[in-house]
Amino acid sequence: MSEKFYPSRGKVVVKRIDTGGEKENEYGIIYTEKDKDLYIKGHVLSIGLPEFSSNGNVIETGFVEGDTVLYDRRSVVDWAGFHIIPQDSVIGIITE
């Protein structure tokens, strides 16, 4: 039996996209990006049930499974290499 993970209400599972690690500046100096960057790029793997506003209306997400998104690093819970974040931590959708 294979297992599938579904996030709880208001949560999203995202797989981080590796942006390359090492970079080179205009002077030829090779450096590694610091982990303190504020935003992370990733693919949405699974979306939990929607949240409700204080008056009972459903808060819909503007993204779907498979979208590439930018999300806030400060809200990440790392589980087995996947990031679990609140739906409102998604900053925007990236179209390539």
PDB file of N, CA and C in Angstrom:
ATOM      1  N   MET A   1       0.837  -1.174   0.000  1.00  0.00           N
ATOM      2  CA  MET A   1       0.000   0.000   0.000  1.00  0.00           C
ATOM      3  C   MET A   1       0.889   1.248   0.000  1.00  0.00           C
ATOM      4  N   SER A   2       0.645   2.162  -0.916  1.00  0.00           N
ATOM      5  CA  SER A   2       1.438   3.384  -0.961  1.00  0.00           C
ATOM      6  C   SER A   2       0.771   4.464  -0.113  1.00  0.00           C
ATOM      7  N   GLU A   3       1.598   5.312   0.473  1.00  0.00           N
ATOM      8  CA  GLU A   3       1.091   6.377   1.320  1.00  0.00           C
ATOM      9  C   GLU A   3       1.018   7.676   0.541  1.00  0.00           C
ATOM     10  N   LYS A   4       0.058   8.519   0.866  1.00  0.00           N
ATOM     11  CA  LYS A   4      -0.044   9.850   0.293  1.00  0.00           C
ATOM     12  C   LYS A   4      -0.268  10.808   1.447  1.00  0.00           C
ATOM     13  N   PHE A   5       0.366  11.955   1.376  1.00  0.00           N
ATOM     14  CA  PHE A   5       0.291  12.940   2.437  1.00  0.00           C
ATOM     15  C   PHE A   5      -0.613  14.085   2.006  1.00  0.00           C
ATOM     16  N   TYR A   6      -1.611  14.400   2.825  1.00  0.00           N
ATOM     17  CA  TYR A   6      -2.487  15.535   2.595  1.00  0.00           C
ATOM     18  C   TYR A   6      -2.306  16.512   3.745  1.00  0.00           C
ATOM     19  N   PRO A   7      -2.015  17.779   3.450  1.00  0.00           N
ATOM     20  CA  PRO A   7      -1.859  18.751   4.537  1.00  0.00           C
ATOM     21  C   PRO A   7      -3.203  19.072   5.182  1.00  0.00           C
ATOM     22  N   SER A   8      -3.157  19.567   6.401  1.00  0.00           N
ATOM     23  CA  SER A   8      -4.387  19.929   7.096  1.00  0.00           C
ATOM     24  C   SER A   8      -4.955  21.226   6.538  1.00  0.00           C
ATOM     25  N   ARG A   9      -6.107  21.621   7.045  1.00  0.00           N
ATOM     26  CA  ARG A   9      -6.810  22.811   6.562  1.00  0.00           C
ATOM     27  C   ARG A   9      -5.908  24.041   6.598  1.00  0.00           C
ATOM     28  N   GLY A  10      -5.852  24.742   5.480  1.00  0.00           N
ATOM     29  CA  GLY A  10      -5.088  25.976   5.407  1.00  0.00           C
ATOM     30  C   GLY A  10      -3.601  25.805   5.173  1.00  0.00           C
ATOM     31  N   LYS A  11      -3.147  24.579   4.922  1.00  0.00           N
ATOM     32  CA  LYS A  11      -1.718  24.319   4.712  1.00  0.00           C
ATOM     33  C   LYS A  11      -1.454  23.891   3.273  1.00  0.00           C
ATOM     34  N   VAL A  12      -0.189  24.055   2.850  1.00  0.00           N
ATOM     35  CA  VAL A  12       0.245  23.704   1.503  1.00  0.00           C
ATOM     36  C   VAL A  12       1.562  22.947   1.616  1.00  0.00           C
ATOM     37  N   VAL A  13       1.749  21.898   0.800  1.00  0.00           N
ATOM     38  CA  VAL A  13       3.030  21.186   0.736  1.00  0.00           C
ATOM     39  C   VAL A  13       3.738  21.636  -0.538  1.00  0.00           C
ATOM     40  N   VAL A  14       4.995  22.106  -0.369  1.00  0.00           N
ATOM     41  CA  VAL A  14       5.767  22.641  -1.481  1.00  0.00           C
ATOM     42  C   VAL A  14       7.111  21.940  -1.532  1.00  0.00           C
ATOM     43  N   LYS A  15       7.592  21.626  -2.722  1.00  0.00           N
ATOM     44  CA  LYS A  15       8.930  21.082  -2.924  1.00  0.00           C
ATOM     45  C   LYS A  15       9.813  22.215  -3.405  1.00  0.00           C
ATOM     46  N   ARG A  16      10.831  22.539  -2.634  1.00  0.00           N
ATOM     47  CA  ARG A  16      11.729  23.645  -2.957  1.00  0.00           C
ATOM     48  C   ARG A  16      12.452  23.384  -4.272  1.00  0.00           C
ATOM     49  N   ILE A  17      12.589  24.425  -5.072  1.00  0.00           N
ATOM     50  CA  ILE A  17      13.353  24.344  -6.311  1.00  0.00           C
ATOM     51  C   ILE A  17      14.755  24.833  -6.000  1.00  0.00           C
ATOM     52  N   ASP A  18      15.735  24.001  -6.276  1.00  0.00           N
ATOM     53  CA  ASP A  18      17.124  24.388  -6.038  1.00  0.00           C
ATOM     54  C   ASP A  18      17.515  25.407  -7.083  1.00  0.00           C
ATOM     55  N   THR A  19      17.925  26.580  -6.612  1.00  0.00           N
ATOM     56  CA  THR A  19      18.260  27.662  -7.540  1.00  0.00           C
ATOM     57  C   THR A  19      19.716  27.660  -7.926  1.00  0.00           C
ATOM     58  N   GLY A  20      20.415  26.617  -7.675  1.00  0.00           N
ATOM     59  CA  GLY A  20      21.800  26.541  -8.119  1.00  0.00           C
ATOM     60  C   GLY A  20      22.807  26.726  -7.034  1.00  0.00           C
ATOM     61  N   GLY A  21      22.817  27.194  -5.957  1.00  0.00           N
ATOM     62  CA  GLY A  21      23.854  27.243  -4.960  1.00  0.00           C
ATOM     63  C   GLY A  21      24.986  28.179  -5.281  1.00  0.00           C
ATOM     64  N   GLU A  22      25.894  27.772  -6.131  1.00  0.00           N
ATOM     65  CA  GLU A  22      27.063  28.604  -6.421  1.00  0.00           C
ATOM     66  C   GLU A  22      26.761  29.579  -7.549  1.00  0.00           C
ATOM     67  N   LYS A  23      27.255  30.812  -7.373  1.00  0.00           N
ATOM     68  CA  LYS A  23      27.099  31.856  -8.385  1.00  0.00           C
ATOM     69  C   LYS A  23      28.428  32.552  -8.553  1.00  0.00           C
ATOM     70  N   GLU A  24      28.550  33.304  -9.637  1.00  0.00           N
ATOM     71  CA  GLU A  24      29.778  34.045  -9.889  1.00  0.00           C
ATOM     72  C   GLU A  24      29.415  35.501 -10.146  1.00  0.00           C
ATOM     73  N   ASN A  25      30.127  36.423  -9.466  1.00  0.00           N
ATOM     74  CA  ASN A  25      29.832  37.838  -9.680  1.00  0.00           C
ATOM     75  C   ASN A  25      30.653  38.381 -10.843  1.00  0.00           C
ATOM     76  N   GLU A  26      30.496  39.672 -11.125  1.00  0.00           N
ATOM     77  CA  GLU A  26      31.154  40.275 -12.288  1.00  0.00           C
ATOM     78  C   GLU A  26      32.673  40.283 -12.185  1.00  0.00           C
ATOM     79  N   TYR A  27      33.220  40.069 -10.982  1.00  0.00           N
ATOM     80  CA  TYR A  27      34.672  40.054 -10.797  1.00  0.00           C
ATOM     81  C   TYR A  27      35.250  38.631 -10.842  1.00  0.00           C
ATOM     82  N   GLY A  28      34.390  37.639 -11.101  1.00  0.00           N
ATOM     83  CA  GLY A  28      34.853  36.266 -11.179  1.00  0.00           C
ATOM     84  C   GLY A  28      34.914  35.560  -9.832  1.00  0.00           C
ATOM     85  N   ILE A  29      34.409  36.186  -8.791  1.00  0.00           N
ATOM     86  CA  ILE A  29      34.411  35.568  -7.460  1.00  0.00           C
ATOM     87  C   ILE A  29      33.207  34.650  -7.353  1.00  0.00           C
ATOM     88  N   ILE A  30      33.465  33.394  -7.015  1.00  0.00           N
ATOM     89  CA  ILE A  30      32.398  32.410  -6.860  1.00  0.00           C
ATOM     90  C   ILE A  30      31.939  32.433  -5.410  1.00  0.00           C
ATOM     91  N   TYR A  31      30.638  32.506  -5.220  1.00  0.00           N
ATOM     92  CA  TYR A  31      30.085  32.538  -3.871  1.00  0.00           C
ATOM     93  C   TYR A  31      28.859  31.639  -3.798  1.00  0.00           C
ATOM     94  N   THR A  32      28.459  31.295  -2.596  1.00  0.00           N
ATOM     95  CA  THR A  32      27.280  30.471  -2.356  1.00  0.00           C
ATOM     96  C   THR A  32      26.195  31.357  -1.764  1.00  0.00           C
ATOM     97  N   GLU A  33      24.960  31.196  -2.249  1.00  0.00           N
ATOM     98  CA  GLU A  33      23.862  31.983  -1.707  1.00  0.00           C
ATOM     99  C   GLU A  33      23.656  31.647  -0.241  1.00  0.00           C
ATOM    100  N   LYS A  34      23.397  32.647   0.552  1.00  0.00           N
ATOM    101  CA  LYS A  34      23.156  32.452   1.980  1.00  0.00           C
ATOM    102  C   LYS A  34      21.753  31.908   2.194  1.00  0.00           C
ATOM    103  N   ASP A  35      21.573  31.171   3.287  1.00  0.00           N
ATOM    104  CA  ASP A  35      20.256  30.645   3.612  1.00  0.00           C
ATOM    105  C   ASP A  35      19.347  31.704   4.209  1.00  0.00           C
ATOM    106  N   LYS A  36      19.835  32.935   4.355  1.00  0.00           N
ATOM    107  CA  LYS A  36      18.976  33.939   4.939  1.00  0.00           C
ATOM    108  C   LYS A  36      18.140  34.697   3.923  1.00  0.00           C
ATOM    109  N   ASP A  37      18.101  34.255   2.680  1.00  0.00           N
ATOM    110  CA  ASP A  37      17.195  34.871   1.718  1.00  0.00           C
ATOM    111  C   ASP A  37      15.778  34.734   2.253  1.00  0.00           C
ATOM    112  N   LEU A  38      14.979  35.739   2.038  1.00  0.00           N
ATOM    113  CA  LEU A  38      13.656  35.783   2.653  1.00  0.00           C
ATOM    114  C   LEU A  38      12.612  34.937   1.934  1.00  0.00           C
ATOM    115  N   TYR A  39      12.753  34.761   0.625  1.00  0.00           N
ATOM    116  CA  TYR A  39      11.734  34.047  -0.135  1.00  0.00           C
ATOM    117  C   TYR A  39      12.324  32.840  -0.851  1.00  0.00           C
ATOM    118  N   ILE A  40      11.491  31.814  -1.007  1.00  0.00           N
ATOM    119  CA  ILE A  40      11.912  30.544  -1.611  1.00  0.00           C
ATOM    120  C   ILE A  40      10.997  30.247  -2.796  1.00  0.00           C
ATOM    121  N   LYS A  41      11.577  29.658  -3.834  1.00  0.00           N
ATOM    122  CA  LYS A  41      10.826  29.251  -5.018  1.00  0.00           C
ATOM    123  C   LYS A  41      10.562  27.752  -4.921  1.00  0.00           C
ATOM    124  N   GLY A  42       9.330  27.325  -5.244  1.00  0.00           N
ATOM    125  CA  GLY A  42       9.016  25.904  -5.163  1.00  0.00           C
ATOM    126  C   GLY A  42       7.775  25.529  -5.952  1.00  0.00           C
ATOM    127  N   HIS A  43       7.564  24.199  -6.085  1.00  0.00           N
ATOM    128  CA  HIS A  43       6.396  23.646  -6.769  1.00  0.00           C
ATOM    129  C   HIS A  43       5.368  23.210  -5.728  1.00  0.00           C
ATOM    130  N   VAL A  44       4.108  23.567  -5.955  1.00  0.00           N
ATOM    131  CA  VAL A  44       3.025  23.155  -5.063  1.00  0.00           C
ATOM    132  C   VAL A  44       2.701  21.697  -5.347  1.00  0.00           C
ATOM    133  N   LEU A  45       2.828  20.845  -4.328  1.00  0.00           N
ATOM    134  CA  LEU A  45       2.547  19.425  -4.485  1.00  0.00           C
ATOM    135  C   LEU A  45       1.147  19.054  -4.016  1.00  0.00           C
ATOM    136  N   SER A  46       0.686  19.695  -2.938  1.00  0.00           N
ATOM    137  CA  SER A  46      -0.606  19.353  -2.378  1.00  0.00           C
ATOM    138  C   SER A  46      -1.161  20.540  -1.609  1.00  0.00           C
ATOM    139  N   ILE A  47      -2.471  20.728  -1.674  1.00  0.00           N
ATOM    140  CA  ILE A  47      -3.138  21.829  -0.976  1.00  0.00           C
ATOM    141  C   ILE A  47      -4.197  21.235  -0.056  1.00  0.00           C
ATOM    142  N   GLY A  48      -4.181  21.676   1.195  1.00  0.00           N
ATOM    143  CA  GLY A  48      -5.194  21.226   2.156  1.00  0.00           C
ATOM    144  C   GLY A  48      -6.545  21.879   1.880  1.00  0.00           C
ATOM    145  N   LEU A  49      -7.539  21.510   2.674  1.00  0.00           N
ATOM    146  CA  LEU A  49      -8.857  22.119   2.549  1.00  0.00           C
ATOM    147  C   LEU A  49      -8.750  23.622   2.769  1.00  0.00           C
ATOM    148  N   PRO A  50      -9.635  24.412   2.154  1.00  0.00           N
ATOM    149  CA  PRO A  50      -9.535  25.866   2.302  1.00  0.00           C
ATOM    150  C   PRO A  50      -9.860  26.326   3.714  1.00  0.00           C
ATOM    151  N   GLU A  51      -9.364  27.524   4.032  1.00  0.00           N
ATOM    152  CA  GLU A  51      -9.665  28.141   5.317  1.00  0.00           C
ATOM    153  C   GLU A  51     -10.967  28.925   5.204  1.00  0.00           C
ATOM    154  N   PHE A  52     -11.502  29.318   6.368  1.00  0.00           N
ATOM    155  CA  PHE A  52     -12.704  30.140   6.419  1.00  0.00           C
ATOM    156  C   PHE A  52     -12.374  31.474   7.054  1.00  0.00           C
ATOM    157  N   SER A  53     -13.002  32.531   6.551  1.00  0.00           N
ATOM    158  CA  SER A  53     -12.823  33.848   7.169  1.00  0.00           C
ATOM    159  C   SER A  53     -13.650  33.909   8.446  1.00  0.00           C
ATOM    160  N   SER A  54     -13.507  34.983   9.205  1.00  0.00           N
ATOM    161  CA  SER A  54     -14.220  35.103  10.475  1.00  0.00           C
ATOM    162  C   SER A  54     -15.735  35.148  10.290  1.00  0.00           C
ATOM    163  N   ASN A  55     -16.215  35.541   9.107  1.00  0.00           N
ATOM    164  CA  ASN A  55     -17.662  35.562   8.873  1.00  0.00           C
ATOM    165  C   ASN A  55     -18.165  34.290   8.189  1.00  0.00           C
ATOM    166  N   GLY A  56     -17.311  33.288   8.043  1.00  0.00           N
ATOM    167  CA  GLY A  56     -17.725  31.993   7.520  1.00  0.00           C
ATOM    168  C   GLY A  56     -17.553  31.794   6.031  1.00  0.00           C
ATOM    169  N   ASN A  57     -17.042  32.777   5.318  1.00  0.00           N
ATOM    170  CA  ASN A  57     -16.813  32.621   3.876  1.00  0.00           C
ATOM    171  C   ASN A  57     -15.543  31.818   3.624  1.00  0.00           C
ATOM    172  N   VAL A  58     -15.561  31.025   2.565  1.00  0.00           N
ATOM    173  CA  VAL A  58     -14.402  30.220   2.189  1.00  0.00           C
ATOM    174  C   VAL A  58     -13.339  31.125   1.576  1.00  0.00           C
ATOM    175  N   ILE A  59     -12.085  30.971   2.016  1.00  0.00           N
ATOM    176  CA  ILE A  59     -10.966  31.719   1.450  1.00  0.00           C
ATOM    177  C   ILE A  59     -10.303  30.824   0.406  1.00  0.00           C
ATOM    178  N   GLU A  60     -10.513  31.151  -0.853  1.00  0.00           N
ATOM    179  CA  GLU A  60      -9.954  30.352  -1.940  1.00  0.00           C
ATOM    180  C   GLU A  60      -8.490  30.707  -2.165  1.00  0.00           C
ATOM    181  N   THR A  61      -7.696  29.743  -2.611  1.00  0.00           N
ATOM    182  CA  THR A  61      -6.304  30.013  -2.971  1.00  0.00           C
ATOM    183  C   THR A  61      -6.256  30.473  -4.419  1.00  0.00           C
ATOM    184  N   GLY A  62      -5.247  31.238  -4.768  1.00  0.00           N
ATOM    185  CA  GLY A  62      -5.086  31.697  -6.140  1.00  0.00           C
ATOM    186  C   GLY A  62      -4.160  30.800  -6.932  1.00  0.00           C
ATOM    187  N   PHE A  63      -3.791  29.662  -6.376  1.00  0.00           N
ATOM    188  CA  PHE A  63      -2.867  28.743  -7.030  1.00  0.00           C
ATOM    189  C   PHE A  63      -3.411  27.330  -6.938  1.00  0.00           C
ATOM    190  N   VAL A  64      -2.871  26.456  -7.788  1.00  0.00           N
ATOM    191  CA  VAL A  64      -3.308  25.059  -7.819  1.00  0.00           C
ATOM    192  C   VAL A  64      -2.086  24.152  -7.722  1.00  0.00           C
ATOM    193  N   GLU A  65      -2.324  22.872  -7.513  1.00  0.00           N
ATOM    194  CA  GLU A  65      -1.230  21.905  -7.478  1.00  0.00           C
ATOM    195  C   GLU A  65      -0.500  21.946  -8.817  1.00  0.00           C
ATOM    196  N   GLY A  66       0.838  21.948  -8.757  1.00  0.00           N
ATOM    197  CA  GLY A  66       1.655  22.008  -9.959  1.00  0.00           C
ATOM    198  C   GLY A  66       2.177  23.397 -10.272  1.00  0.00           C
ATOM    199  N   ASP A  67       1.607  24.438  -9.652  1.00  0.00           N
ATOM    200  CA  ASP A  67       2.089  25.803  -9.882  1.00  0.00           C
ATOM    201  C   ASP A  67       3.457  26.006  -9.240  1.00  0.00           C
ATOM    202  N   THR A  68       4.238  26.912  -9.810  1.00  0.00           N
ATOM    203  CA  THR A  68       5.497  27.345  -9.221  1.00  0.00           C
ATOM    204  C   THR A  68       5.211  28.632  -8.470  1.00  0.00           C
ATOM    205  N   VAL A  69       5.571  28.660  -7.187  1.00  0.00           N
ATOM    206  CA  VAL A  69       5.240  29.803  -6.342  1.00  0.00           C
ATOM    207  C   VAL A  69       6.470  30.327  -5.619  1.00  0.00           C
ATOM    208  N   LEU A  70       6.340  31.539  -5.111  1.00  0.00           N
ATOM    209  CA  LEU A  70       7.339  32.146  -4.247  1.00  0.00           C
ATOM    210  C   LEU A  70       6.705  32.250  -2.874  1.00  0.00           C
ATOM    211  N   TYR A  71       7.399  31.753  -1.829  1.00  0.00           N
ATOM    212  CA  TYR A  71       6.809  31.749  -0.497  1.00  0.00           C
ATOM    213  C   TYR A  71       7.806  32.212   0.553  1.00  0.00           C
ATOM    214  N   ASP A  72       7.268  32.600   1.692  1.00  0.00           N
ATOM    215  CA  ASP A  72       8.034  33.185   2.784  1.00  0.00           C
ATOM    216  C   ASP A  72       8.766  32.104   3.574  1.00  0.00           C
ATOM    217  N   ARG A  73      10.063  32.243   3.699  1.00  0.00           N
ATOM    218  CA  ARG A  73      10.917  31.276   4.395  1.00  0.00           C
ATOM    219  C   ARG A  73      10.596  31.180   5.883  1.00  0.00           C
ATOM    220  N   ARG A  74      10.123  32.261   6.497  1.00  0.00           N
ATOM    221  CA  ARG A  74       9.924  32.294   7.949  1.00  0.00           C
ATOM    222  C   ARG A  74       8.805  31.387   8.432  1.00  0.00           C
ATOM    223  N   SER A  75       7.943  30.932   7.533  1.00  0.00           N
ATOM    224  CA  SER A  75       6.805  30.124   7.955  1.00  0.00           C
ATOM    225  C   SER A  75       6.960  28.640   7.609  1.00  0.00           C
ATOM    226  N   VAL A  76       8.146  28.223   7.209  1.00  0.00           N
ATOM    227  CA  VAL A  76       8.360  26.858   6.714  1.00  0.00           C
ATOM    228  C   VAL A  76       8.515  25.856   7.854  1.00  0.00           C
ATOM    229  N   VAL A  77       7.800  24.736   7.721  1.00  0.00           N
ATOM    230  CA  VAL A  77       8.043  23.553   8.537  1.00  0.00           C
ATOM    231  C   VAL A  77       8.616  22.525   7.583  1.00  0.00           C
ATOM    232  N   ASP A  78       9.837  22.056   7.834  1.00  0.00           N
ATOM    233  CA  ASP A  78      10.503  21.096   6.955  1.00  0.00           C
ATOM    234  C   ASP A  78      10.164  19.683   7.419  1.00  0.00           C
ATOM    235  N   TRP A  79       9.594  18.890   6.514  1.00  0.00           N
ATOM    236  CA  TRP A  79       9.240  17.517   6.837  1.00  0.00           C
ATOM    237  C   TRP A  79       9.684  16.625   5.696  1.00  0.00           C
ATOM    238  N   ALA A  80      10.664  15.777   5.956  1.00  0.00           N
ATOM    239  CA  ALA A  80      11.165  14.800   4.990  1.00  0.00           C
ATOM    240  C   ALA A  80      11.550  15.444   3.660  1.00  0.00           C
ATOM    241  N   GLY A  81      12.115  16.642   3.704  1.00  0.00           N
ATOM    242  CA  GLY A  81      12.540  17.320   2.490  1.00  0.00           C
ATOM    243  C   GLY A  81      11.463  18.143   1.808  1.00  0.00           C
ATOM    244  N   PHE A  82      10.260  18.145   2.361  1.00  0.00           N
ATOM    245  CA  PHE A  82       9.162  18.941   1.825  1.00  0.00           C
ATOM    246  C   PHE A  82       8.875  20.094   2.779  1.00  0.00           C
ATOM    247  N   HIS A  83       8.404  21.204   2.248  1.00  0.00           N
ATOM    248  CA  HIS A  83       8.054  22.350   3.072  1.00  0.00           C
ATOM    249  C   HIS A  83       6.543  22.406   3.240  1.00  0.00           C
ATOM    250  N   ILE A  84       6.098  22.498   4.485  1.00  0.00           N
ATOM    251  CA  ILE A  84       4.680  22.662   4.793  1.00  0.00           C
ATOM    252  C   ILE A  84       4.510  24.097   5.271  1.00  0.00           C
ATOM    253  N   ILE A  85       3.652  24.837   4.580  1.00  0.00           N
ATOM    254  CA  ILE A  85       3.481  26.259   4.879  1.00  0.00           C
ATOM    255  C   ILE A  85       1.999  26.611   4.946  1.00  0.00           C
ATOM    256  N   PRO A  86       1.662  27.703   5.641  1.00  0.00           N
ATOM    257  CA  PRO A  86       0.277  28.193   5.589  1.00  0.00           C
ATOM    258  C   PRO A  86      -0.027  28.733   4.196  1.00  0.00           C
ATOM    259  N   GLN A  87      -1.275  28.645   3.774  1.00  0.00           N
ATOM    260  CA  GLN A  87      -1.647  29.121   2.443  1.00  0.00           C
ATOM    261  C   GLN A  87      -1.333  30.594   2.252  1.00  0.00           C
ATOM    262  N   ASP A  88      -1.437  31.386   3.304  1.00  0.00           N
ATOM    263  CA  ASP A  88      -1.198  32.821   3.149  1.00  0.00           C
ATOM    264  C   ASP A  88       0.288  33.184   3.119  1.00  0.00           C
ATOM    265  N   SER A  89       1.177  32.192   3.204  1.00  0.00           N
ATOM    266  CA  SER A  89       2.620  32.453   3.083  1.00  0.00           C
ATOM    267  C   SER A  89       3.075  32.487   1.638  1.00  0.00           C
ATOM    268  N   VAL A  90       2.200  32.098   0.722  1.00  0.00           N
ATOM    269  CA  VAL A  90       2.530  32.154  -0.700  1.00  0.00           C
ATOM    270  C   VAL A  90       2.458  33.616  -1.126  1.00  0.00           C
ATOM    271  N   ILE A  91       3.597  34.143  -1.597  1.00  0.00           N
ATOM    272  CA  ILE A  91       3.711  35.539  -1.985  1.00  0.00           C
ATOM    273  C   ILE A  91       3.153  35.765  -3.383  1.00  0.00           C
ATOM    274  N   GLY A  92       3.417  34.823  -4.284  1.00  0.00           N
ATOM    275  CA  GLY A  92       2.942  34.971  -5.659  1.00  0.00           C
ATOM    276  C   GLY A  92       3.190  33.729  -6.482  1.00  0.00           C
ATOM    277  N   ILE A  93       2.626  33.725  -7.661  1.00  0.00           N
ATOM    278  CA  ILE A  93       2.751  32.610  -8.611  1.00  0.00           C
ATOM    279  C   ILE A  93       3.738  33.031  -9.686  1.00  0.00           C
ATOM    280  N   ILE A  94       4.669  32.114 -10.021  1.00  0.00           N
ATOM    281  CA  ILE A  94       5.673  32.396 -11.032  1.00  0.00           C
ATOM    282  C   ILE A  94       5.304  31.674 -12.316  1.00  0.00           C
ATOM    283  N   THR A  95       5.199  32.428 -13.405  1.00  0.00           N
ATOM    284  CA  THR A  95       4.950  31.815 -14.713  1.00  0.00           C
ATOM    285  C   THR A  95       6.230  31.933 -15.515  1.00  0.00           C
ATOM    286  N   GLU A  96       6.628  30.830 -16.092  1.00  0.00           N
ATOM    287  CA  GLU A  96       7.906  30.816 -16.831  1.00  0.00           C
ATOM    288  C   GLU A  96       7.678  30.558 -18.297  1.00  0.00           C
TER     289      GLU A  96
END
